[in-house]
Amino acid sequence: VRENGRPLHRLNELEWVDGKVWANVWQTDRIVIIDPATGEVSASIDLSGLLPDSERRRGTDVLNGIARNPADGAIWVTGKRWPWLYRIEVVPKQADLP
């Protein structure tokens, strides 16, 4: 897998979503979307702040779970020893909108 022409390491928790591979980058709050035909990262999702500091408990660890519900297409994420699952919707950054 490459991002901007450079190898991207520490990929974890892969999920197939609409013809792309989603993977979290271990020990970060980032998910990358990978084109399986080329291995290139086509998008990146920043989930920093998803689990508020007030919800973190002793032993709470990194973002580490991606799942897609095949019935409705919903994307769910969580982390190691997180108290919650989060349903996310991906929207372009304001700068990316026409």
PDB file of N, CA and C in Angstrom:
ATOM      1  N   VAL A   1       0.850  -1.173   0.000  1.00  0.00           N
ATOM      2  CA  VAL A   1       0.000   0.000   0.000  1.00  0.00           C
ATOM      3  C   VAL A   1       0.894   1.234   0.000  1.00  0.00           C
ATOM      4  N   ARG A   2       0.519   2.196  -0.837  1.00  0.00           N
ATOM      5  CA  ARG A   2       1.296   3.427  -0.937  1.00  0.00           C
ATOM      6  C   ARG A   2       0.382   4.643  -0.760  1.00  0.00           C
ATOM      7  N   GLU A   3       0.947   5.665  -0.124  1.00  0.00           N
ATOM      8  CA  GLU A   3       0.263   6.942   0.042  1.00  0.00           C
ATOM      9  C   GLU A   3       1.212   8.023  -0.455  1.00  0.00           C
ATOM     10  N   ASN A   4       0.785   8.763  -1.444  1.00  0.00           N
ATOM     11  CA  ASN A   4       1.636   9.785  -2.067  1.00  0.00           C
ATOM     12  C   ASN A   4       2.971   9.203  -2.512  1.00  0.00           C
ATOM     13  N   GLY A   5       2.928   7.990  -3.047  1.00  0.00           N
ATOM     14  CA  GLY A   5       4.111   7.348  -3.571  1.00  0.00           C
ATOM     15  C   GLY A   5       5.013   6.677  -2.552  1.00  0.00           C
ATOM     16  N   ARG A   6       4.669   6.759  -1.267  1.00  0.00           N
ATOM     17  CA  ARG A   6       5.495   6.156  -0.219  1.00  0.00           C
ATOM     18  C   ARG A   6       4.755   4.997   0.435  1.00  0.00           C
ATOM     19  N   PRO A   7       5.495   3.961   0.834  1.00  0.00           N
ATOM     20  CA  PRO A   7       4.851   2.835   1.519  1.00  0.00           C
ATOM     21  C   PRO A   7       4.159   3.294   2.804  1.00  0.00           C
ATOM     22  N   LEU A   8       2.982   2.740   3.040  1.00  0.00           N
ATOM     23  CA  LEU A   8       2.251   3.031   4.275  1.00  0.00           C
ATOM     24  C   LEU A   8       2.220   1.758   5.112  1.00  0.00           C
ATOM     25  N   HIS A   9       2.821   1.830   6.269  1.00  0.00           N
ATOM     26  CA  HIS A   9       2.950   0.674   7.147  1.00  0.00           C
ATOM     27  C   HIS A   9       1.922   0.737   8.280  1.00  0.00           C
ATOM     28  N   ARG A  10       1.873  -0.307   9.064  1.00  0.00           N
ATOM     29  CA  ARG A  10       1.052  -0.430  10.270  1.00  0.00           C
ATOM     30  C   ARG A  10      -0.446  -0.409   9.978  1.00  0.00           C
ATOM     31  N   LEU A  11      -0.850  -0.998   8.861  1.00  0.00           N
ATOM     32  CA  LEU A  11      -2.275  -1.086   8.575  1.00  0.00           C
ATOM     33  C   LEU A  11      -2.881  -2.194   9.413  1.00  0.00           C
ATOM     34  N   ASN A  12      -4.082  -1.957   9.880  1.00  0.00           N
ATOM     35  CA  ASN A  12      -4.721  -2.845  10.835  1.00  0.00           C
ATOM     36  C   ASN A  12      -6.228  -2.796  10.586  1.00  0.00           C
ATOM     37  N   GLU A  13      -6.907  -3.872  10.910  1.00  0.00           N
ATOM     38  CA  GLU A  13      -8.375  -3.924  10.838  1.00  0.00           C
ATOM     39  C   GLU A  13      -8.880  -3.520   9.460  1.00  0.00           C
ATOM     40  N   LEU A  14      -8.790  -4.431   8.520  1.00  0.00           N
ATOM     41  CA  LEU A  14      -9.222  -4.180   7.151  1.00  0.00           C
ATOM     42  C   LEU A  14     -10.708  -4.492   6.992  1.00  0.00           C
ATOM     43  N   GLU A  15     -11.377  -3.698   6.185  1.00  0.00           N
ATOM     44  CA  GLU A  15     -12.801  -3.917   5.903  1.00  0.00           C
ATOM     45  C   GLU A  15     -13.064  -3.559   4.440  1.00  0.00           C
ATOM     46  N   TRP A  16     -13.833  -4.398   3.753  1.00  0.00           N
ATOM     47  CA  TRP A  16     -14.209  -4.155   2.363  1.00  0.00           C
ATOM     48  C   TRP A  16     -15.462  -3.298   2.358  1.00  0.00           C
ATOM     49  N   VAL A  17     -15.406  -2.114   1.728  1.00  0.00           N
ATOM     50  CA  VAL A  17     -16.544  -1.199   1.684  1.00  0.00           C
ATOM     51  C   VAL A  17     -16.686  -0.671   0.258  1.00  0.00           C
ATOM     52  N   ASP A  18     -17.752  -1.051  -0.405  1.00  0.00           N
ATOM     53  CA  ASP A  18     -18.061  -0.544  -1.744  1.00  0.00           C
ATOM     54  C   ASP A  18     -16.879  -0.618  -2.709  1.00  0.00           C
ATOM     55  N   GLY A  19     -16.220  -1.753  -2.744  1.00  0.00           N
ATOM     56  CA  GLY A  19     -15.145  -1.963  -3.698  1.00  0.00           C
ATOM     57  C   GLY A  19     -13.796  -1.394  -3.304  1.00  0.00           C
ATOM     58  N   LYS A  20     -13.699  -0.872  -2.105  1.00  0.00           N
ATOM     59  CA  LYS A  20     -12.436  -0.328  -1.591  1.00  0.00           C
ATOM     60  C   LYS A  20     -12.087  -1.037  -0.284  1.00  0.00           C
ATOM     61  N   VAL A  21     -10.813  -0.992   0.064  1.00  0.00           N
ATOM     62  CA  VAL A  21     -10.363  -1.538   1.342  1.00  0.00           C
ATOM     63  C   VAL A  21     -10.178  -0.376   2.311  1.00  0.00           C
ATOM     64  N   TRP A  22     -10.852  -0.470   3.443  1.00  0.00           N
ATOM     65  CA  TRP A  22     -10.672   0.517   4.510  1.00  0.00           C
ATOM     66  C   TRP A  22      -9.756  -0.115   5.543  1.00  0.00           C
ATOM     67  N   ALA A  23      -8.815   0.647   6.047  1.00  0.00           N
ATOM     68  CA  ALA A  23      -7.883   0.137   7.057  1.00  0.00           C
ATOM     69  C   ALA A  23      -7.557   1.241   8.039  1.00  0.00           C
ATOM     70  N   ASN A  24      -7.484   0.868   9.311  1.00  0.00           N
ATOM     71  CA  ASN A  24      -7.024   1.873  10.244  1.00  0.00           C
ATOM     72  C   ASN A  24      -5.499   1.782  10.309  1.00  0.00           C
ATOM     73  N   VAL A  25      -4.870   2.931  10.503  1.00  0.00           N
ATOM     74  CA  VAL A  25      -3.420   2.983  10.655  1.00  0.00           C
ATOM     75  C   VAL A  25      -3.164   2.846  12.147  1.00  0.00           C
ATOM     76  N   TRP A  26      -2.552   1.732  12.523  1.00  0.00           N
ATOM     77  CA  TRP A  26      -2.389   1.368  13.924  1.00  0.00           C
ATOM     78  C   TRP A  26      -1.716   2.478  14.725  1.00  0.00           C
ATOM     79  N   GLN A  27      -2.243   2.707  15.898  1.00  0.00           N
ATOM     80  CA  GLN A  27      -1.789   3.707  16.855  1.00  0.00           C
ATOM     81  C   GLN A  27      -2.018   5.133  16.368  1.00  0.00           C
ATOM     82  N   THR A  28      -2.993   5.300  15.469  1.00  0.00           N
ATOM     83  CA  THR A  28      -3.427   6.632  15.049  1.00  0.00           C
ATOM     84  C   THR A  28      -4.954   6.663  15.085  1.00  0.00           C
ATOM     85  N   ASP A  29      -5.507   7.837  14.869  1.00  0.00           N
ATOM     86  CA  ASP A  29      -6.960   7.994  14.775  1.00  0.00           C
ATOM     87  C   ASP A  29      -7.374   8.163  13.317  1.00  0.00           C
ATOM     88  N   ARG A  30      -6.691   7.468  12.436  1.00  0.00           N
ATOM     89  CA  ARG A  30      -6.898   7.647  11.008  1.00  0.00           C
ATOM     90  C   ARG A  30      -7.265   6.330  10.340  1.00  0.00           C
ATOM     91  N   ILE A  31      -8.225   6.441   9.414  1.00  0.00           N
ATOM     92  CA  ILE A  31      -8.585   5.341   8.533  1.00  0.00           C
ATOM     93  C   ILE A  31      -8.217   5.767   7.123  1.00  0.00           C
ATOM     94  N   VAL A  32      -7.618   4.853   6.368  1.00  0.00           N
ATOM     95  CA  VAL A  32      -7.320   5.136   4.969  1.00  0.00           C
ATOM     96  C   VAL A  32      -8.198   4.258   4.094  1.00  0.00           C
ATOM     97  N   ILE A  33      -8.507   4.772   2.917  1.00  0.00           N
ATOM     98  CA  ILE A  33      -9.293   4.039   1.934  1.00  0.00           C
ATOM     99  C   ILE A  33      -8.355   3.722   0.778  1.00  0.00           C
ATOM    100  N   ILE A  34      -8.268   2.433   0.451  1.00  0.00           N
ATOM    101  CA  ILE A  34      -7.266   1.943  -0.488  1.00  0.00           C
ATOM    102  C   ILE A  34      -7.936   1.385  -1.736  1.00  0.00           C
ATOM    103  N   ASP A  35      -7.423   1.765  -2.885  1.00  0.00           N
ATOM    104  CA  ASP A  35      -7.871   1.192  -4.148  1.00  0.00           C
ATOM    105  C   ASP A  35      -7.222  -0.179  -4.270  1.00  0.00           C
ATOM    106  N   PRO A  36      -8.004  -1.256  -4.273  1.00  0.00           N
ATOM    107  CA  PRO A  36      -7.406  -2.589  -4.293  1.00  0.00           C
ATOM    108  C   PRO A  36      -6.686  -2.915  -5.610  1.00  0.00           C
ATOM    109  N   ALA A  37      -7.037  -2.242  -6.679  1.00  0.00           N
ATOM    110  CA  ALA A  37      -6.395  -2.509  -7.970  1.00  0.00           C
ATOM    111  C   ALA A  37      -4.972  -1.954  -8.023  1.00  0.00           C
ATOM    112  N   THR A  38      -4.742  -0.834  -7.330  1.00  0.00           N
ATOM    113  CA  THR A  38      -3.437  -0.171  -7.408  1.00  0.00           C
ATOM    114  C   THR A  38      -2.662  -0.195  -6.099  1.00  0.00           C
ATOM    115  N   GLY A  39      -3.366  -0.398  -4.984  1.00  0.00           N
ATOM    116  CA  GLY A  39      -2.718  -0.328  -3.678  1.00  0.00           C
ATOM    117  C   GLY A  39      -2.484   1.088  -3.194  1.00  0.00           C
ATOM    118  N   GLU A  40      -3.004   2.070  -3.930  1.00  0.00           N
ATOM    119  CA  GLU A  40      -2.839   3.476  -3.548  1.00  0.00           C
ATOM    120  C   GLU A  40      -3.937   3.919  -2.590  1.00  0.00           C
ATOM    121  N   VAL A  41      -3.549   4.735  -1.620  1.00  0.00           N
ATOM    122  CA  VAL A  41      -4.518   5.353  -0.717  1.00  0.00           C
ATOM    123  C   VAL A  41      -5.251   6.427  -1.515  1.00  0.00           C
ATOM    124  N   SER A  42      -6.572   6.322  -1.565  1.00  0.00           N
ATOM    125  CA  SER A  42      -7.367   7.294  -2.317  1.00  0.00           C
ATOM    126  C   SER A  42      -8.027   8.329  -1.417  1.00  0.00           C
ATOM    127  N   ALA A  43      -8.095   8.043  -0.111  1.00  0.00           N
ATOM    128  CA  ALA A  43      -8.701   8.990   0.824  1.00  0.00           C
ATOM    129  C   ALA A  43      -8.241   8.646   2.237  1.00  0.00           C
ATOM    130  N   SER A  44      -8.395   9.624   3.117  1.00  0.00           N
ATOM    131  CA  SER A  44      -8.022   9.447   4.520  1.00  0.00           C
ATOM    132  C   SER A  44      -9.116  10.064   5.383  1.00  0.00           C
ATOM    133  N   ILE A  45      -9.466   9.384   6.451  1.00  0.00           N
ATOM    134  CA  ILE A  45     -10.515   9.855   7.365  1.00  0.00           C
ATOM    135  C   ILE A  45      -9.881  10.100   8.725  1.00  0.00           C
ATOM    136  N   ASP A  46     -10.008  11.321   9.220  1.00  0.00           N
ATOM    137  CA  ASP A  46      -9.456  11.701  10.522  1.00  0.00           C
ATOM    138  C   ASP A  46     -10.540  11.540  11.583  1.00  0.00           C
ATOM    139  N   LEU A  47     -10.341  10.594  12.494  1.00  0.00           N
ATOM    140  CA  LEU A  47     -11.321  10.356  13.558  1.00  0.00           C
ATOM    141  C   LEU A  47     -10.808  10.829  14.918  1.00  0.00           C
ATOM    142  N   SER A  48      -9.832  11.727  14.903  1.00  0.00           N
ATOM    143  CA  SER A  48      -9.333  12.238  16.182  1.00  0.00           C
ATOM    144  C   SER A  48     -10.471  12.946  16.908  1.00  0.00           C
ATOM    145  N   GLY A  49     -10.542  12.721  18.192  1.00  0.00           N
ATOM    146  CA  GLY A  49     -11.590  13.313  19.009  1.00  0.00           C
ATOM    147  C   GLY A  49     -12.900  12.552  18.997  1.00  0.00           C
ATOM    148  N   LEU A  50     -12.974  11.458  18.253  1.00  0.00           N
ATOM    149  CA  LEU A  50     -14.226  10.689  18.206  1.00  0.00           C
ATOM    150  C   LEU A  50     -14.611  10.199  19.596  1.00  0.00           C
ATOM    151  N   LEU A  51     -13.667   9.593  20.297  1.00  0.00           N
ATOM    152  CA  LEU A  51     -13.917   9.193  21.682  1.00  0.00           C
ATOM    153  C   LEU A  51     -13.420  10.329  22.562  1.00  0.00           C
ATOM    154  N   PRO A  52     -14.324  11.075  23.197  1.00  0.00           N
ATOM    155  CA  PRO A  52     -13.903  12.212  24.005  1.00  0.00           C
ATOM    156  C   PRO A  52     -13.019  11.783  25.182  1.00  0.00           C
ATOM    157  N   ASP A  53     -12.134  12.660  25.579  1.00  0.00           N
ATOM    158  CA  ASP A  53     -11.266  12.375  26.724  1.00  0.00           C
ATOM    159  C   ASP A  53     -12.079  11.990  27.956  1.00  0.00           C
ATOM    160  N   SER A  54     -13.247  12.581  28.120  1.00  0.00           N
ATOM    161  CA  SER A  54     -14.082  12.291  29.292  1.00  0.00           C
ATOM    162  C   SER A  54     -14.599  10.848  29.297  1.00  0.00           C
ATOM    163  N   GLU A  55     -14.585  10.178  28.142  1.00  0.00           N
ATOM    164  CA  GLU A  55     -15.054   8.791  28.043  1.00  0.00           C
ATOM    165  C   GLU A  55     -13.910   7.781  28.135  1.00  0.00           C
ATOM    166  N   ARG A  56     -12.694   8.258  28.145  1.00  0.00           N
ATOM    167  CA  ARG A  56     -11.543   7.351  28.219  1.00  0.00           C
ATOM    168  C   ARG A  56     -11.354   6.895  29.650  1.00  0.00           C
ATOM    169  N   ARG A  57     -11.152   5.599  29.818  1.00  0.00           N
ATOM    170  CA  ARG A  57     -10.931   5.004  31.122  1.00  0.00           C
ATOM    171  C   ARG A  57      -9.544   4.382  31.145  1.00  0.00           C
ATOM    172  N   ARG A  58      -9.120   3.974  32.291  1.00  0.00           N
ATOM    173  CA  ARG A  58      -7.841   3.289  32.394  1.00  0.00           C
ATOM    174  C   ARG A  58      -7.847   2.080  31.459  1.00  0.00           C
ATOM    175  N   GLY A  59      -6.830   1.962  30.650  1.00  0.00           N
ATOM    176  CA  GLY A  59      -6.738   0.852  29.718  1.00  0.00           C
ATOM    177  C   GLY A  59      -7.371   1.123  28.361  1.00  0.00           C
ATOM    178  N   THR A  60      -8.078   2.264  28.197  1.00  0.00           N
ATOM    179  CA  THR A  60      -8.626   2.592  26.887  1.00  0.00           C
ATOM    180  C   THR A  60      -7.472   2.717  25.909  1.00  0.00           C
ATOM    181  N   ASP A  61      -7.627   2.121  24.756  1.00  0.00           N
ATOM    182  CA  ASP A  61      -6.517   2.049  23.809  1.00  0.00           C
ATOM    183  C   ASP A  61      -6.915   2.684  22.478  1.00  0.00           C
ATOM    184  N   VAL A  62      -6.261   2.277  21.429  1.00  0.00           N
ATOM    185  CA  VAL A  62      -6.342   2.915  20.118  1.00  0.00           C
ATOM    186  C   VAL A  62      -7.579   2.524  19.319  1.00  0.00           C
ATOM    187  N   LEU A  63      -7.918   3.388  18.352  1.00  0.00           N
ATOM    188  CA  LEU A  63      -8.918   3.074  17.344  1.00  0.00           C
ATOM    189  C   LEU A  63      -8.529   1.754  16.704  1.00  0.00           C
ATOM    190  N   ASN A  64      -9.481   0.812  16.617  1.00  0.00           N
ATOM    191  CA  ASN A  64      -9.071  -0.512  16.147  1.00  0.00           C
ATOM    192  C   ASN A  64     -10.231  -1.362  15.651  1.00  0.00           C
ATOM    193  N   GLY A  65     -11.276  -0.773  15.160  1.00  0.00           N
ATOM    194  CA  GLY A  65     -12.377  -1.596  14.680  1.00  0.00           C
ATOM    195  C   GLY A  65     -13.167  -0.885  13.608  1.00  0.00           C
ATOM    196  N   ILE A  66     -13.376  -1.565  12.479  1.00  0.00           N
ATOM    197  CA  ILE A  66     -14.189  -1.038  11.382  1.00  0.00           C
ATOM    198  C   ILE A  66     -15.131  -2.157  10.961  1.00  0.00           C
ATOM    199  N   ALA A  67     -16.404  -1.836  10.822  1.00  0.00           N
ATOM    200  CA  ALA A  67     -17.370  -2.828  10.339  1.00  0.00           C
ATOM    201  C   ALA A  67     -18.406  -2.135   9.468  1.00  0.00           C
ATOM    202  N   ARG A  68     -18.871  -2.851   8.467  1.00  0.00           N
ATOM    203  CA  ARG A  68     -19.935  -2.344   7.603  1.00  0.00           C
ATOM    204  C   ARG A  68     -21.124  -3.272   7.742  1.00  0.00           C
ATOM    205  N   ASN A  69     -22.271  -2.694   8.014  1.00  0.00           N
ATOM    206  CA  ASN A  69     -23.500  -3.465   8.110  1.00  0.00           C
ATOM    207  C   ASN A  69     -24.013  -3.711   6.690  1.00  0.00           C
ATOM    208  N   PRO A  70     -24.035  -4.964   6.237  1.00  0.00           N
ATOM    209  CA  PRO A  70     -24.467  -5.226   4.862  1.00  0.00           C
ATOM    210  C   PRO A  70     -25.944  -4.918   4.625  1.00  0.00           C
ATOM    211  N   ALA A  71     -26.745  -4.895   5.674  1.00  0.00           N
ATOM    212  CA  ALA A  71     -28.176  -4.649   5.509  1.00  0.00           C
ATOM    213  C   ALA A  71     -28.480  -3.199   5.123  1.00  0.00           C
ATOM    214  N   ASP A  72     -27.751  -2.252   5.722  1.00  0.00           N
ATOM    215  CA  ASP A  72     -28.050  -0.845   5.436  1.00  0.00           C
ATOM    216  C   ASP A  72     -26.829  -0.031   5.004  1.00  0.00           C
ATOM    217  N   GLY A  73     -25.647  -0.653   4.948  1.00  0.00           N
ATOM    218  CA  GLY A  73     -24.442   0.046   4.504  1.00  0.00           C
ATOM    219  C   GLY A  73     -23.778   0.908   5.556  1.00  0.00           C
ATOM    220  N   ALA A  74     -24.313   0.922   6.769  1.00  0.00           N
ATOM    221  CA  ALA A  74     -23.747   1.761   7.826  1.00  0.00           C
ATOM    222  C   ALA A  74     -22.329   1.333   8.155  1.00  0.00           C
ATOM    223  N   ILE A  75     -21.484   2.316   8.448  1.00  0.00           N
ATOM    224  CA  ILE A  75     -20.102   2.067   8.862  1.00  0.00           C
ATOM    225  C   ILE A  75     -20.011   2.318  10.363  1.00  0.00           C
ATOM    226  N   TRP A  76     -19.459   1.350  11.073  1.00  0.00           N
ATOM    227  CA  TRP A  76     -19.299   1.423  12.520  1.00  0.00           C
ATOM    228  C   TRP A  76     -17.819   1.326  12.865  1.00  0.00           C
ATOM    229  N   VAL A  77     -17.376   2.120  13.832  1.00  0.00           N
ATOM    230  CA  VAL A  77     -15.983   2.060  14.287  1.00  0.00           C
ATOM    231  C   VAL A  77     -15.949   2.017  15.807  1.00  0.00           C
ATOM    232  N   THR A  78     -14.862   1.489  16.329  1.00  0.00           N
ATOM    233  CA  THR A  78     -14.628   1.462  17.765  1.00  0.00           C
ATOM    234  C   THR A  78     -13.131   1.302  17.987  1.00  0.00           C
ATOM    235  N   GLY A  79     -12.744   1.148  19.236  1.00  0.00           N
ATOM    236  CA  GLY A  79     -11.336   0.954  19.566  1.00  0.00           C
ATOM    237  C   GLY A  79     -11.184  -0.105  20.636  1.00  0.00           C
ATOM    238  N   LYS A  80      -9.946  -0.439  20.924  1.00  0.00           N
ATOM    239  CA  LYS A  80      -9.686  -1.431  21.972  1.00  0.00           C
ATOM    240  C   LYS A  80     -10.131  -0.870  23.321  1.00  0.00           C
ATOM    241  N   ARG A  81     -10.989  -1.622  23.962  1.00  0.00           N
ATOM    242  CA  ARG A  81     -11.528  -1.280  25.278  1.00  0.00           C
ATOM    243  C   ARG A  81     -12.251   0.076  25.286  1.00  0.00           C
ATOM    244  N   TRP A  82     -12.818   0.458  24.141  1.00  0.00           N
ATOM    245  CA  TRP A  82     -13.659   1.646  24.095  1.00  0.00           C
ATOM    246  C   TRP A  82     -15.043   1.262  24.630  1.00  0.00           C
ATOM    247  N   PRO A  83     -15.718   2.176  25.315  1.00  0.00           N
ATOM    248  CA  PRO A  83     -17.046   1.850  25.848  1.00  0.00           C
ATOM    249  C   PRO A  83     -18.164   1.953  24.816  1.00  0.00           C
ATOM    250  N   TRP A  84     -17.859   2.448  23.616  1.00  0.00           N
ATOM    251  CA  TRP A  84     -18.902   2.707  22.634  1.00  0.00           C
ATOM    252  C   TRP A  84     -18.501   2.256  21.243  1.00  0.00           C
ATOM    253  N   LEU A  85     -19.528   2.006  20.422  1.00  0.00           N
ATOM    254  CA  LEU A  85     -19.397   1.878  18.969  1.00  0.00           C
ATOM    255  C   LEU A  85     -19.924   3.185  18.389  1.00  0.00           C
ATOM    256  N   TYR A  86     -19.332   3.631  17.298  1.00  0.00           N
ATOM    257  CA  TYR A  86     -19.775   4.867  16.659  1.00  0.00           C
ATOM    258  C   TYR A  86     -20.155   4.598  15.217  1.00  0.00           C
ATOM    259  N   ARG A  87     -21.342   5.034  14.844  1.00  0.00           N
ATOM    260  CA  ARG A  87     -21.732   4.988  13.430  1.00  0.00           C
ATOM    261  C   ARG A  87     -21.232   6.282  12.808  1.00  0.00           C
ATOM    262  N   ILE A  88     -20.445   6.150  11.735  1.00  0.00           N
ATOM    263  CA  ILE A  88     -19.891   7.346  11.107  1.00  0.00           C
ATOM    264  C   ILE A  88     -20.461   7.522   9.713  1.00  0.00           C
ATOM    265  N   GLU A  89     -20.513   8.759   9.273  1.00  0.00           N
ATOM    266  CA  GLU A  89     -20.862   9.104   7.903  1.00  0.00           C
ATOM    267  C   GLU A  89     -19.723   9.948   7.367  1.00  0.00           C
ATOM    268  N   VAL A  90     -19.217   9.580   6.219  1.00  0.00           N
ATOM    269  CA  VAL A  90     -18.083  10.285   5.635  1.00  0.00           C
ATOM    270  C   VAL A  90     -18.604  11.401   4.744  1.00  0.00           C
ATOM    271  N   VAL A  91     -18.167  12.618   5.039  1.00  0.00           N
ATOM    272  CA  VAL A  91     -18.516  13.783   4.223  1.00  0.00           C
ATOM    273  C   VAL A  91     -17.224  14.491   3.840  1.00  0.00           C
ATOM    274  N   PRO A  92     -17.182  15.089   2.652  1.00  0.00           N
ATOM    275  CA  PRO A  92     -15.970  15.802   2.246  1.00  0.00           C
ATOM    276  C   PRO A  92     -15.708  17.003   3.157  1.00  0.00           C
ATOM    277  N   LYS A  93     -14.429  17.328   3.301  1.00  0.00           N
ATOM    278  CA  LYS A  93     -14.077  18.537   4.033  1.00  0.00           C
ATOM    279  C   LYS A  93     -14.652  19.736   3.290  1.00  0.00           C
ATOM    280  N   GLN A  94     -14.931  20.800   4.012  1.00  0.00           N
ATOM    281  CA  GLN A  94     -15.504  22.003   3.424  1.00  0.00           C
ATOM    282  C   GLN A  94     -14.687  22.477   2.228  1.00  0.00           C
ATOM    283  N   ALA A  95     -13.364  22.401   2.306  1.00  0.00           N
ATOM    284  CA  ALA A  95     -12.492  22.853   1.221  1.00  0.00           C
ATOM    285  C   ALA A  95     -12.671  22.002  -0.039  1.00  0.00           C
ATOM    286  N   ASP A  96     -13.171  20.772   0.118  1.00  0.00           N
ATOM    287  CA  ASP A  96     -13.329  19.872  -1.020  1.00  0.00           C
ATOM    288  C   ASP A  96     -14.680  20.032  -1.716  1.00  0.00           C
ATOM    289  N   LEU A  97     -15.573  20.785  -1.128  1.00  0.00           N
ATOM    290  CA  LEU A  97     -16.904  20.947  -1.714  1.00  0.00           C
ATOM    291  C   LEU A  97     -16.855  21.953  -2.869  1.00  0.00           C
ATOM    292  N   PRO A  98     -17.715  21.753  -3.895  1.00  0.00           N
ATOM    293  CA  PRO A  98     -17.713  22.699  -5.043  1.00  0.00           C
ATOM    294  C   PRO A  98     -18.265  24.052  -4.673  1.00  0.00           C
TER     295      PRO A  98
END
